[in-house]
């Protein structure tokens, strides 16, 4: 059996960082990362990006050395991805924050609206309904993070937690301040508007959860297997017939419902920013599906049926 020699160079300076001798042909990139860590313990595997070209794409952990376009002496280029943090930790942090922050304004704790309003309650029923919907939404997200989601990547850059928390926590405080304000004005069309918005919100939340369960069942635990998602017997999953990322479609729909319910500008802006970001993610996933699967359903759009 022939063995490989692997040299790892810094992608920026081309400095030789490591030379690995007698590497087995069946070794994966994950194996090479572990060997590299032995000589450079400050760069644990999750921090490493190894690639065949200094400006190329990162190799996947499951890529096998002998299947790469390299000779018996392989040159890999290393980039430091920076300090990493688990996806679960990031999700739990960014979702727990809005849940807690919103309730501070709902209960009107001291320093929110002035001393005379401390721990008072709104006389508008929509305010209490909005709190219930907002709280259940983030409780759902927390439970899904713990028991439903299966992540293809274990970590993300540590800096992302600050960016994500600024977005979620900041918008939660902004919308909660106005919705729970003593001078808050109920929706223009009263109960009819609230009931319509509640129906949209509940349907989209159920749809979002259904899609997450369908995606979970698509990937076995501990696996990075990718398959084309198809509708199941659950009617909420039938949106897969029209879009690649119906979980984003339902998420956007939920916040449209919440914006109609509360008739609050910060909620509408939160929806707009979220829709923009989810459209970017959906387009990326859609392109990935098209590249990976030749038989991918041609009718599907990324996030909005027939349009976007």
C-alpha atoms as a PDB file:
ATOM      1  CA  UNK A   1       0.000   0.000   0.000  1.00  0.00           C
ATOM      2  CA  UNK A   2       1.385   3.366  -1.014  1.00  0.00           C
ATOM      3  CA  UNK A   3       1.327   6.156   1.532  1.00  0.00           C
ATOM      4  CA  UNK A   4       0.992   9.866   1.032  1.00  0.00           C
ATOM      5  CA  UNK A   5       3.086  12.750   2.182  1.00  0.00           C
ATOM      6  CA  UNK A   6       1.084  15.805   3.136  1.00  0.00           C
ATOM      7  CA  UNK A   7       2.532  19.270   3.610  1.00  0.00           C
ATOM      8  CA  UNK A   8       0.374  21.999   5.078  1.00  0.00           C
ATOM      9  CA  UNK A   9       1.194  25.586   4.096  1.00  0.00           C
ATOM     10  CA  UNK A  10      -0.195  28.851   5.398  1.00  0.00           C
ATOM     11  CA  UNK A  11      -2.626  30.069   2.727  1.00  0.00           C
ATOM     12  CA  UNK A  12      -1.461  33.673   3.095  1.00  0.00           C
ATOM     13  CA  UNK A  13       2.300  33.499   3.663  1.00  0.00           C
ATOM     14  CA  UNK A  14       2.968  30.062   2.041  1.00  0.00           C
ATOM     15  CA  UNK A  15       5.011  29.211   5.139  1.00  0.00           C
ATOM     16  CA  UNK A  16       5.290  25.479   5.781  1.00  0.00           C
ATOM     17  CA  UNK A  17       3.378  24.709   8.965  1.00  0.00           C
ATOM     18  CA  UNK A  18       3.472  20.953   9.035  1.00  0.00           C
ATOM     19  CA  UNK A  19       4.757  17.925   7.136  1.00  0.00           C
ATOM     20  CA  UNK A  20       2.918  14.630   7.584  1.00  0.00           C
ATOM     21  CA  UNK A  21       4.672  11.454   6.503  1.00  0.00           C
ATOM     22  CA  UNK A  22       3.132   8.053   5.727  1.00  0.00           C
ATOM     23  CA  UNK A  23      -0.467   9.190   5.638  1.00  0.00           C
ATOM     24  CA  UNK A  24      -2.808   6.390   4.634  1.00  0.00           C
ATOM     25  CA  UNK A  25      -4.691   6.793   1.328  1.00  0.00           C
ATOM     26  CA  UNK A  26      -8.032   6.264   3.099  1.00  0.00           C
ATOM     27  CA  UNK A  27      -7.345   9.147   5.478  1.00  0.00           C
ATOM     28  CA  UNK A  28     -10.013  11.841   5.458  1.00  0.00           C
ATOM     29  CA  UNK A  29      -9.548  15.569   5.786  1.00  0.00           C
ATOM     30  CA  UNK A  30     -10.860  15.192   9.338  1.00  0.00           C
ATOM     31  CA  UNK A  31      -7.999  12.739  10.044  1.00  0.00           C
ATOM     32  CA  UNK A  32      -5.463  15.186   8.621  1.00  0.00           C
ATOM     33  CA  UNK A  33      -6.885  17.980  10.764  1.00  0.00           C
ATOM     34  CA  UNK A  34      -6.430  15.820  13.857  1.00  0.00           C
ATOM     35  CA  UNK A  35      -2.811  15.077  12.874  1.00  0.00           C
ATOM     36  CA  UNK A  36      -2.200  18.775  12.243  1.00  0.00           C
ATOM     37  CA  UNK A  37      -3.581  19.626  15.699  1.00  0.00           C
ATOM     38  CA  UNK A  38      -0.931  17.436  17.309  1.00  0.00           C
ATOM     39  CA  UNK A  39       1.782  19.784  16.048  1.00  0.00           C
ATOM     40  CA  UNK A  40      -0.292  22.966  16.439  1.00  0.00           C
ATOM     41  CA  UNK A  41      -2.668  22.436  19.378  1.00  0.00           C
ATOM     42  CA  UNK A  42      -3.813  26.082  19.270  1.00  0.00           C
ATOM     43  CA  UNK A  43      -5.618  25.255  16.015  1.00  0.00           C
ATOM     44  CA  UNK A  44      -8.124  22.589  16.958  1.00  0.00           C
ATOM     45  CA  UNK A  45      -9.955  20.883  14.043  1.00  0.00           C
ATOM     46  CA  UNK A  46     -13.006  23.162  14.097  1.00  0.00           C
ATOM     47  CA  UNK A  47     -10.734  26.203  13.565  1.00  0.00           C
ATOM     48  CA  UNK A  48      -9.074  24.711  10.510  1.00  0.00           C
ATOM     49  CA  UNK A  49      -9.930  25.272   6.877  1.00  0.00           C
ATOM     50  CA  UNK A  50      -7.879  23.103   4.544  1.00  0.00           C
ATOM     51  CA  UNK A  51      -8.019  23.629   0.798  1.00  0.00           C
ATOM     52  CA  UNK A  52      -6.199  22.597  -2.375  1.00  0.00           C
ATOM     53  CA  UNK A  53      -5.771  26.191  -3.528  1.00  0.00           C
ATOM     54  CA  UNK A  54      -4.989  29.176  -1.290  1.00  0.00           C
ATOM     55  CA  UNK A  55      -8.116  30.968  -2.528  1.00  0.00           C
ATOM     56  CA  UNK A  56     -10.196  27.860  -3.164  1.00  0.00           C
ATOM     57  CA  UNK A  57     -13.064  26.324  -1.245  1.00  0.00           C
ATOM     58  CA  UNK A  58     -12.570  24.475   2.008  1.00  0.00           C
ATOM     59  CA  UNK A  59     -12.388  20.723   1.730  1.00  0.00           C
ATOM     60  CA  UNK A  60     -15.068  18.746   3.515  1.00  0.00           C
ATOM     61  CA  UNK A  61     -14.105  16.691   6.566  1.00  0.00           C
ATOM     62  CA  UNK A  62     -15.374  13.543   4.852  1.00  0.00           C
ATOM     63  CA  UNK A  63     -13.249  14.028   1.699  1.00  0.00           C
ATOM     64  CA  UNK A  64     -10.816  11.117   1.271  1.00  0.00           C
ATOM     65  CA  UNK A  65      -7.197  11.889   0.457  1.00  0.00           C
ATOM     66  CA  UNK A  66      -6.777   9.365  -2.360  1.00  0.00           C
ATOM     67  CA  UNK A  67      -9.872  10.716  -4.129  1.00  0.00           C
ATOM     68  CA  UNK A  68      -8.530  14.256  -4.261  1.00  0.00           C
ATOM     69  CA  UNK A  69      -6.680  15.533  -7.375  1.00  0.00           C
ATOM     70  CA  UNK A  70      -3.255  15.315  -5.721  1.00  0.00           C
ATOM     71  CA  UNK A  71      -0.139  13.232  -6.171  1.00  0.00           C
ATOM     72  CA  UNK A  72       1.543  11.111  -3.550  1.00  0.00           C
ATOM     73  CA  UNK A  73       2.895  14.355  -2.107  1.00  0.00           C
ATOM     74  CA  UNK A  74      -0.139  16.502  -1.381  1.00  0.00           C
ATOM     75  CA  UNK A  75      -0.015  20.204  -0.621  1.00  0.00           C
ATOM     76  CA  UNK A  76      -2.851  21.631   1.438  1.00  0.00           C
ATOM     77  CA  UNK A  77      -3.346  25.259   2.371  1.00  0.00           C
ATOM     78  CA  UNK A  78      -4.449  26.225   5.863  1.00  0.00           C
ATOM     79  CA  UNK A  79      -6.600  29.130   7.010  1.00  0.00           C
ATOM     80  CA  UNK A  80      -7.499  29.847  10.617  1.00  0.00           C
ATOM     81  CA  UNK A  81     -11.270  30.241  10.980  1.00  0.00           C
ATOM     82  CA  UNK A  82     -10.889  31.861  14.384  1.00  0.00           C
ATOM     83  CA  UNK A  83     -12.331  30.848  17.727  1.00  0.00           C
ATOM     84  CA  UNK A  84     -15.374  28.599  17.297  1.00  0.00           C
ATOM     85  CA  UNK A  85     -18.570  28.058  19.265  1.00  0.00           C
ATOM     86  CA  UNK A  86     -21.189  25.352  18.885  1.00  0.00           C
ATOM     87  CA  UNK A  87     -24.333  26.056  16.876  1.00  0.00           C
ATOM     88  CA  UNK A  88     -26.455  24.817  19.766  1.00  0.00           C
ATOM     89  CA  UNK A  89     -24.911  27.344  22.149  1.00  0.00           C
ATOM     90  CA  UNK A  90     -25.417  30.175  19.668  1.00  0.00           C
ATOM     91  CA  UNK A  91     -29.044  29.256  18.999  1.00  0.00           C
ATOM     92  CA  UNK A  92     -29.909  28.853  22.663  1.00  0.00           C
ATOM     93  CA  UNK A  93     -28.332  32.201  23.489  1.00  0.00           C
ATOM     94  CA  UNK A  94     -29.881  34.176  20.653  1.00  0.00           C
ATOM     95  CA  UNK A  95     -33.364  32.686  21.264  1.00  0.00           C
ATOM     96  CA  UNK A  96     -33.408  32.842  25.064  1.00  0.00           C
ATOM     97  CA  UNK A  97     -32.568  36.543  24.985  1.00  0.00           C
ATOM     98  CA  UNK A  98     -35.697  37.749  23.126  1.00  0.00           C
ATOM     99  CA  UNK A  99     -37.909  35.554  25.311  1.00  0.00           C
ATOM    100  CA  UNK A 100     -36.535  37.127  28.487  1.00  0.00           C
ATOM    101  CA  UNK A 101     -36.262  40.688  27.161  1.00  0.00           C
ATOM    102  CA  UNK A 102     -39.818  40.789  25.828  1.00  0.00           C
ATOM    103  CA  UNK A 103     -41.207  39.670  29.193  1.00  0.00           C
ATOM    104  CA  UNK A 104     -39.345  42.487  30.966  1.00  0.00           C
ATOM    105  CA  UNK A 105     -41.374  45.008  28.979  1.00  0.00           C
ATOM    106  CA  UNK A 106     -44.586  42.993  29.196  1.00  0.00           C
ATOM    107  CA  UNK A 107     -44.465  42.973  32.991  1.00  0.00           C
ATOM    108  CA  UNK A 108     -43.275  46.588  32.917  1.00  0.00           C
ATOM    109  CA  UNK A 109     -40.448  46.056  35.355  1.00  0.00           C
ATOM    110  CA  UNK A 110     -38.923  49.214  36.895  1.00  0.00           C
ATOM    111  CA  UNK A 111     -36.987  51.543  34.559  1.00  0.00           C
ATOM    112  CA  UNK A 112     -39.009  50.528  31.473  1.00  0.00           C
ATOM    113  CA  UNK A 113     -41.915  53.009  31.444  1.00  0.00           C
ATOM    114  CA  UNK A 114     -41.545  55.109  34.568  1.00  0.00           C
ATOM    115  CA  UNK A 115     -42.292  54.470  38.213  1.00  0.00           C
ATOM    116  CA  UNK A 116     -46.057  54.953  38.033  1.00  0.00           C
ATOM    117  CA  UNK A 117     -46.335  52.175  35.449  1.00  0.00           C
ATOM    118  CA  UNK A 118     -44.158  49.627  37.296  1.00  0.00           C
ATOM    119  CA  UNK A 119     -45.735  46.158  37.147  1.00  0.00           C
ATOM    120  CA  UNK A 120     -48.983  47.472  35.703  1.00  0.00           C
ATOM    121  CA  UNK A 121     -50.865  45.574  33.004  1.00  0.00           C
ATOM    122  CA  UNK A 122     -52.163  46.702  29.619  1.00  0.00           C
ATOM    123  CA  UNK A 123     -55.913  46.988  29.192  1.00  0.00           C
ATOM    124  CA  UNK A 124     -55.697  45.808  25.564  1.00  0.00           C
ATOM    125  CA  UNK A 125     -56.206  42.100  24.950  1.00  0.00           C
ATOM    126  CA  UNK A 126     -54.012  42.140  21.829  1.00  0.00           C
ATOM    127  CA  UNK A 127     -51.014  43.051  23.995  1.00  0.00           C
ATOM    128  CA  UNK A 128     -51.431  39.882  26.051  1.00  0.00           C
ATOM    129  CA  UNK A 129     -52.038  37.803  22.934  1.00  0.00           C
ATOM    130  CA  UNK A 130     -48.907  39.224  21.324  1.00  0.00           C
ATOM    131  CA  UNK A 131     -46.864  38.294  24.394  1.00  0.00           C
ATOM    132  CA  UNK A 132     -48.222  34.754  24.285  1.00  0.00           C
ATOM    133  CA  UNK A 133     -47.426  34.386  20.571  1.00  0.00           C
ATOM    134  CA  UNK A 134     -43.943  35.869  20.919  1.00  0.00           C
ATOM    135  CA  UNK A 135     -43.113  33.692  23.927  1.00  0.00           C
ATOM    136  CA  UNK A 136     -44.395  30.483  22.355  1.00  0.00           C
ATOM    137  CA  UNK A 137     -42.444  31.241  19.186  1.00  0.00           C
ATOM    138  CA  UNK A 138     -39.125  31.433  21.011  1.00  0.00           C
ATOM    139  CA  UNK A 139     -39.933  28.526  23.333  1.00  0.00           C
ATOM    140  CA  UNK A 140     -40.577  26.504  20.177  1.00  0.00           C
ATOM    141  CA  UNK A 141     -37.227  27.601  18.763  1.00  0.00           C
ATOM    142  CA  UNK A 142     -35.401  26.637  21.943  1.00  0.00           C
ATOM    143  CA  UNK A 143     -37.029  23.189  22.050  1.00  0.00           C
ATOM    144  CA  UNK A 144     -36.294  22.620  18.360  1.00  0.00           C
ATOM    145  CA  UNK A 145     -32.653  23.508  18.939  1.00  0.00           C
ATOM    146  CA  UNK A 146     -32.411  20.938  21.727  1.00  0.00           C
ATOM    147  CA  UNK A 147     -34.502  18.114  20.287  1.00  0.00           C
ATOM    148  CA  UNK A 148     -35.158  18.580  16.560  1.00  0.00           C
ATOM    149  CA  UNK A 149     -32.369  20.258  14.612  1.00  0.00           C
ATOM    150  CA  UNK A 150     -29.438  18.232  13.313  1.00  0.00           C
ATOM    151  CA  UNK A 151     -26.528  20.430  12.333  1.00  0.00           C
ATOM    152  CA  UNK A 152     -24.236  19.571   9.428  1.00  0.00           C
ATOM    153  CA  UNK A 153     -21.540  21.746  11.001  1.00  0.00           C
ATOM    154  CA  UNK A 154     -20.817  21.536  14.707  1.00  0.00           C
ATOM    155  CA  UNK A 155     -19.477  25.044  15.184  1.00  0.00           C
ATOM    156  CA  UNK A 156     -19.481  28.583  13.840  1.00  0.00           C
ATOM    157  CA  UNK A 157     -17.104  31.533  14.411  1.00  0.00           C
ATOM    158  CA  UNK A 158     -17.403  32.968  17.926  1.00  0.00           C
ATOM    159  CA  UNK A 159     -17.896  36.487  16.521  1.00  0.00           C
ATOM    160  CA  UNK A 160     -21.234  35.408  15.043  1.00  0.00           C
ATOM    161  CA  UNK A 161     -22.863  35.129  18.458  1.00  0.00           C
ATOM    162  CA  UNK A 162     -22.392  38.863  19.030  1.00  0.00           C
ATOM    163  CA  UNK A 163     -23.833  39.750  15.619  1.00  0.00           C
ATOM    164  CA  UNK A 164     -26.773  37.371  15.976  1.00  0.00           C
ATOM    165  CA  UNK A 165     -27.593  38.427  19.525  1.00  0.00           C
ATOM    166  CA  UNK A 166     -27.458  42.104  18.588  1.00  0.00           C
ATOM    167  CA  UNK A 167     -30.063  41.431  15.893  1.00  0.00           C
ATOM    168  CA  UNK A 168     -32.427  39.231  17.909  1.00  0.00           C
ATOM    169  CA  UNK A 169     -32.080  40.930  21.282  1.00  0.00           C
ATOM    170  CA  UNK A 170     -32.116  44.448  19.862  1.00  0.00           C
ATOM    171  CA  UNK A 171     -35.254  43.955  17.790  1.00  0.00           C
ATOM    172  CA  UNK A 172     -36.970  42.124  20.657  1.00  0.00           C
ATOM    173  CA  UNK A 173     -36.395  45.097  22.967  1.00  0.00           C
ATOM    174  CA  UNK A 174     -37.478  47.582  20.294  1.00  0.00           C
ATOM    175  CA  UNK A 175     -40.750  45.867  19.406  1.00  0.00           C
ATOM    176  CA  UNK A 176     -41.538  44.951  23.026  1.00  0.00           C
ATOM    177  CA  UNK A 177     -41.083  48.554  24.135  1.00  0.00           C
ATOM    178  CA  UNK A 178     -43.772  49.827  21.769  1.00  0.00           C
ATOM    179  CA  UNK A 179     -46.208  46.906  21.950  1.00  0.00           C
ATOM    180  CA  UNK A 180     -46.278  46.973  25.767  1.00  0.00           C
ATOM    181  CA  UNK A 181     -46.123  50.756  26.108  1.00  0.00           C
ATOM    182  CA  UNK A 182     -48.905  52.316  28.218  1.00  0.00           C
ATOM    183  CA  UNK A 183     -49.806  54.510  25.208  1.00  0.00           C
ATOM    184  CA  UNK A 184     -49.949  51.624  22.744  1.00  0.00           C
ATOM    185  CA  UNK A 185     -52.815  51.892  20.238  1.00  0.00           C
ATOM    186  CA  UNK A 186     -54.619  48.667  19.217  1.00  0.00           C
ATOM    187  CA  UNK A 187     -54.904  47.641  15.532  1.00  0.00           C
ATOM    188  CA  UNK A 188     -57.091  49.819  13.306  1.00  0.00           C
ATOM    189  CA  UNK A 189     -59.612  47.126  12.393  1.00  0.00           C
ATOM    190  CA  UNK A 190     -59.949  45.714  15.865  1.00  0.00           C
ATOM    191  CA  UNK A 191     -60.814  42.099  16.595  1.00  0.00           C
ATOM    192  CA  UNK A 192     -61.195  41.111  12.937  1.00  0.00           C
ATOM    193  CA  UNK A 193     -57.613  42.166  12.190  1.00  0.00           C
ATOM    194  CA  UNK A 194     -56.285  40.404  15.272  1.00  0.00           C
ATOM    195  CA  UNK A 195     -58.120  37.150  14.480  1.00  0.00           C
ATOM    196  CA  UNK A 196     -56.857  37.119  10.890  1.00  0.00           C
ATOM    197  CA  UNK A 197     -53.302  37.795  12.059  1.00  0.00           C
ATOM    198  CA  UNK A 198     -53.531  35.094  14.729  1.00  0.00           C
ATOM    199  CA  UNK A 199     -54.694  32.558  12.134  1.00  0.00           C
ATOM    200  CA  UNK A 200     -51.743  33.436   9.873  1.00  0.00           C
ATOM    201  CA  UNK A 201     -49.316  33.212  12.783  1.00  0.00           C
ATOM    202  CA  UNK A 202     -50.562  29.841  14.067  1.00  0.00           C
ATOM    203  CA  UNK A 203     -50.729  28.222  10.613  1.00  0.00           C
ATOM    204  CA  UNK A 204     -47.208  29.381   9.775  1.00  0.00           C
ATOM    205  CA  UNK A 205     -45.823  28.236  13.130  1.00  0.00           C
ATOM    206  CA  UNK A 206     -47.320  24.784  12.611  1.00  0.00           C
ATOM    207  CA  UNK A 207     -45.948  24.768   9.081  1.00  0.00           C
ATOM    208  CA  UNK A 208     -42.487  25.779  10.211  1.00  0.00           C
ATOM    209  CA  UNK A 209     -42.417  23.043  12.842  1.00  0.00           C
ATOM    210  CA  UNK A 210     -43.657  20.466  10.312  1.00  0.00           C
ATOM    211  CA  UNK A 211     -40.865  21.360   7.880  1.00  0.00           C
ATOM    212  CA  UNK A 212     -38.242  21.122  10.610  1.00  0.00           C
ATOM    213  CA  UNK A 213     -39.486  17.648  11.535  1.00  0.00           C
ATOM    214  CA  UNK A 214     -39.445  16.569   7.874  1.00  0.00           C
ATOM    215  CA  UNK A 215     -35.868  17.816   7.476  1.00  0.00           C
ATOM    216  CA  UNK A 216     -34.855  16.049  10.675  1.00  0.00           C
ATOM    217  CA  UNK A 217     -36.218  12.744   9.430  1.00  0.00           C
ATOM    218  CA  UNK A 218     -34.272  13.236   6.219  1.00  0.00           C
ATOM    219  CA  UNK A 219     -30.891  13.081   7.968  1.00  0.00           C
ATOM    220  CA  UNK A 220     -29.983  10.191  10.313  1.00  0.00           C
ATOM    221  CA  UNK A 221     -28.473  11.176  13.651  1.00  0.00           C
ATOM    222  CA  UNK A 222     -24.717  11.773  13.413  1.00  0.00           C
ATOM    223  CA  UNK A 223     -24.830  11.823   9.619  1.00  0.00           C
ATOM    224  CA  UNK A 224     -24.099  14.528   7.060  1.00  0.00           C
ATOM    225  CA  UNK A 225     -26.188  12.815   4.405  1.00  0.00           C
ATOM    226  CA  UNK A 226     -27.996  15.193   2.058  1.00  0.00           C
ATOM    227  CA  UNK A 227     -31.180  14.204   0.254  1.00  0.00           C
ATOM    228  CA  UNK A 228     -33.819  16.021  -1.729  1.00  0.00           C
ATOM    229  CA  UNK A 229     -36.663  16.935   0.660  1.00  0.00           C
ATOM    230  CA  UNK A 230     -40.099  15.929  -0.576  1.00  0.00           C
ATOM    231  CA  UNK A 231     -43.620  16.451   0.795  1.00  0.00           C
ATOM    232  CA  UNK A 232     -44.916  13.896   3.280  1.00  0.00           C
ATOM    233  CA  UNK A 233     -48.467  13.064   4.317  1.00  0.00           C
ATOM    234  CA  UNK A 234     -48.447  16.160   6.485  1.00  0.00           C
ATOM    235  CA  UNK A 235     -50.240  18.885   4.430  1.00  0.00           C
ATOM    236  CA  UNK A 236     -47.925  21.560   5.800  1.00  0.00           C
ATOM    237  CA  UNK A 237     -45.003  19.912   3.975  1.00  0.00           C
ATOM    238  CA  UNK A 238     -46.735  20.187   0.597  1.00  0.00           C
ATOM    239  CA  UNK A 239     -45.082  23.575   0.224  1.00  0.00           C
ATOM    240  CA  UNK A 240     -41.986  21.568  -0.759  1.00  0.00           C
ATOM    241  CA  UNK A 241     -43.693  21.231  -4.141  1.00  0.00           C
ATOM    242  CA  UNK A 242     -43.132  24.933  -4.766  1.00  0.00           C
ATOM    243  CA  UNK A 243     -40.112  26.106  -2.744  1.00  0.00           C
ATOM    244  CA  UNK A 244     -36.777  24.714  -1.621  1.00  0.00           C
ATOM    245  CA  UNK A 245     -36.879  26.274   1.858  1.00  0.00           C
ATOM    246  CA  UNK A 246     -40.486  26.261   3.100  1.00  0.00           C
ATOM    247  CA  UNK A 247     -39.255  26.595   6.681  1.00  0.00           C
ATOM    248  CA  UNK A 248     -38.127  30.119   5.771  1.00  0.00           C
ATOM    249  CA  UNK A 249     -41.405  30.767   3.939  1.00  0.00           C
ATOM    250  CA  UNK A 250     -43.389  29.828   7.030  1.00  0.00           C
ATOM    251  CA  UNK A 251     -41.059  31.832   9.288  1.00  0.00           C
ATOM    252  CA  UNK A 252     -41.583  34.936   7.165  1.00  0.00           C
ATOM    253  CA  UNK A 253     -45.334  34.295   7.214  1.00  0.00           C
ATOM    254  CA  UNK A 254     -45.323  34.074  11.014  1.00  0.00           C
ATOM    255  CA  UNK A 255     -43.799  37.523  11.342  1.00  0.00           C
ATOM    256  CA  UNK A 256     -46.190  38.946   8.762  1.00  0.00           C
ATOM    257  CA  UNK A 257     -49.003  37.683  10.992  1.00  0.00           C
ATOM    258  CA  UNK A 258     -47.365  39.155  14.090  1.00  0.00           C
ATOM    259  CA  UNK A 259     -46.889  42.506  12.332  1.00  0.00           C
ATOM    260  CA  UNK A 260     -50.569  42.614  11.303  1.00  0.00           C
ATOM    261  CA  UNK A 261     -51.622  41.622  14.823  1.00  0.00           C
ATOM    262  CA  UNK A 262     -49.617  44.314  16.596  1.00  0.00           C
ATOM    263  CA  UNK A 263     -49.614  46.952  13.839  1.00  0.00           C
ATOM    264  CA  UNK A 264     -46.148  47.907  15.037  1.00  0.00           C
ATOM    265  CA  UNK A 265     -43.420  49.409  12.810  1.00  0.00           C
ATOM    266  CA  UNK A 266     -40.463  47.709  14.604  1.00  0.00           C
ATOM    267  CA  UNK A 267     -42.107  44.318  13.975  1.00  0.00           C
ATOM    268  CA  UNK A 268     -42.483  45.147  10.282  1.00  0.00           C
ATOM    269  CA  UNK A 269     -38.816  46.164  10.091  1.00  0.00           C
ATOM    270  CA  UNK A 270     -37.804  42.960  11.885  1.00  0.00           C
ATOM    271  CA  UNK A 271     -39.794  41.034   9.284  1.00  0.00           C
ATOM    272  CA  UNK A 272     -38.161  42.942   6.420  1.00  0.00           C
ATOM    273  CA  UNK A 273     -34.610  42.401   7.648  1.00  0.00           C
ATOM    274  CA  UNK A 274     -35.360  38.741   8.390  1.00  0.00           C
ATOM    275  CA  UNK A 275     -36.952  38.204   4.992  1.00  0.00           C
ATOM    276  CA  UNK A 276     -33.922  39.722   3.263  1.00  0.00           C
ATOM    277  CA  UNK A 277     -31.494  37.473   5.145  1.00  0.00           C
ATOM    278  CA  UNK A 278     -33.602  34.332   4.716  1.00  0.00           C
ATOM    279  CA  UNK A 279     -33.894  35.031   0.991  1.00  0.00           C
ATOM    280  CA  UNK A 280     -30.091  35.068   0.765  1.00  0.00           C
ATOM    281  CA  UNK A 281     -29.889  31.773   2.671  1.00  0.00           C
ATOM    282  CA  UNK A 282     -32.683  30.211   0.603  1.00  0.00           C
ATOM    283  CA  UNK A 283     -31.035  31.156  -2.679  1.00  0.00           C
ATOM    284  CA  UNK A 284     -27.771  29.657  -1.493  1.00  0.00           C
ATOM    285  CA  UNK A 285     -29.443  26.385  -0.478  1.00  0.00           C
ATOM    286  CA  UNK A 286     -31.420  26.324  -3.725  1.00  0.00           C
ATOM    287  CA  UNK A 287     -28.233  26.661  -5.792  1.00  0.00           C
ATOM    288  CA  UNK A 288     -26.608  23.955  -3.680  1.00  0.00           C
ATOM    289  CA  UNK A 289     -29.512  21.568  -4.352  1.00  0.00           C
ATOM    290  CA  UNK A 290     -29.317  22.262  -8.096  1.00  0.00           C
ATOM    291  CA  UNK A 291     -25.572  21.589  -8.153  1.00  0.00           C
ATOM    292  CA  UNK A 292     -25.785  18.403  -6.129  1.00  0.00           C
ATOM    293  CA  UNK A 293     -28.915  16.759  -7.549  1.00  0.00           C
ATOM    294  CA  UNK A 294     -29.478  16.519 -11.291  1.00  0.00           C
ATOM    295  CA  UNK A 295     -33.073  15.380 -10.764  1.00  0.00           C
ATOM    296  CA  UNK A 296     -33.950  18.301  -8.481  1.00  0.00           C
ATOM    297  CA  UNK A 297     -37.575  19.422  -9.063  1.00  0.00           C
ATOM    298  CA  UNK A 298     -37.433  22.303 -11.588  1.00  0.00           C
ATOM    299  CA  UNK A 299     -40.660  23.948 -10.413  1.00  0.00           C
ATOM    300  CA  UNK A 300     -39.288  24.967  -7.051  1.00  0.00           C
ATOM    301  CA  UNK A 301     -38.284  28.541  -6.224  1.00  0.00           C
ATOM    302  CA  UNK A 302     -35.987  29.330  -3.261  1.00  0.00           C
ATOM    303  CA  UNK A 303     -38.502  30.904  -0.827  1.00  0.00           C
ATOM    304  CA  UNK A 304     -41.505  32.542  -2.550  1.00  0.00           C
ATOM    305  CA  UNK A 305     -43.466  30.283  -4.956  1.00  0.00           C
ATOM    306  CA  UNK A 306     -42.977  31.234  -8.624  1.00  0.00           C
ATOM    307  CA  UNK A 307     -41.270  34.517  -7.733  1.00  0.00           C
ATOM    308  CA  UNK A 308     -38.175  34.359  -5.543  1.00  0.00           C
END
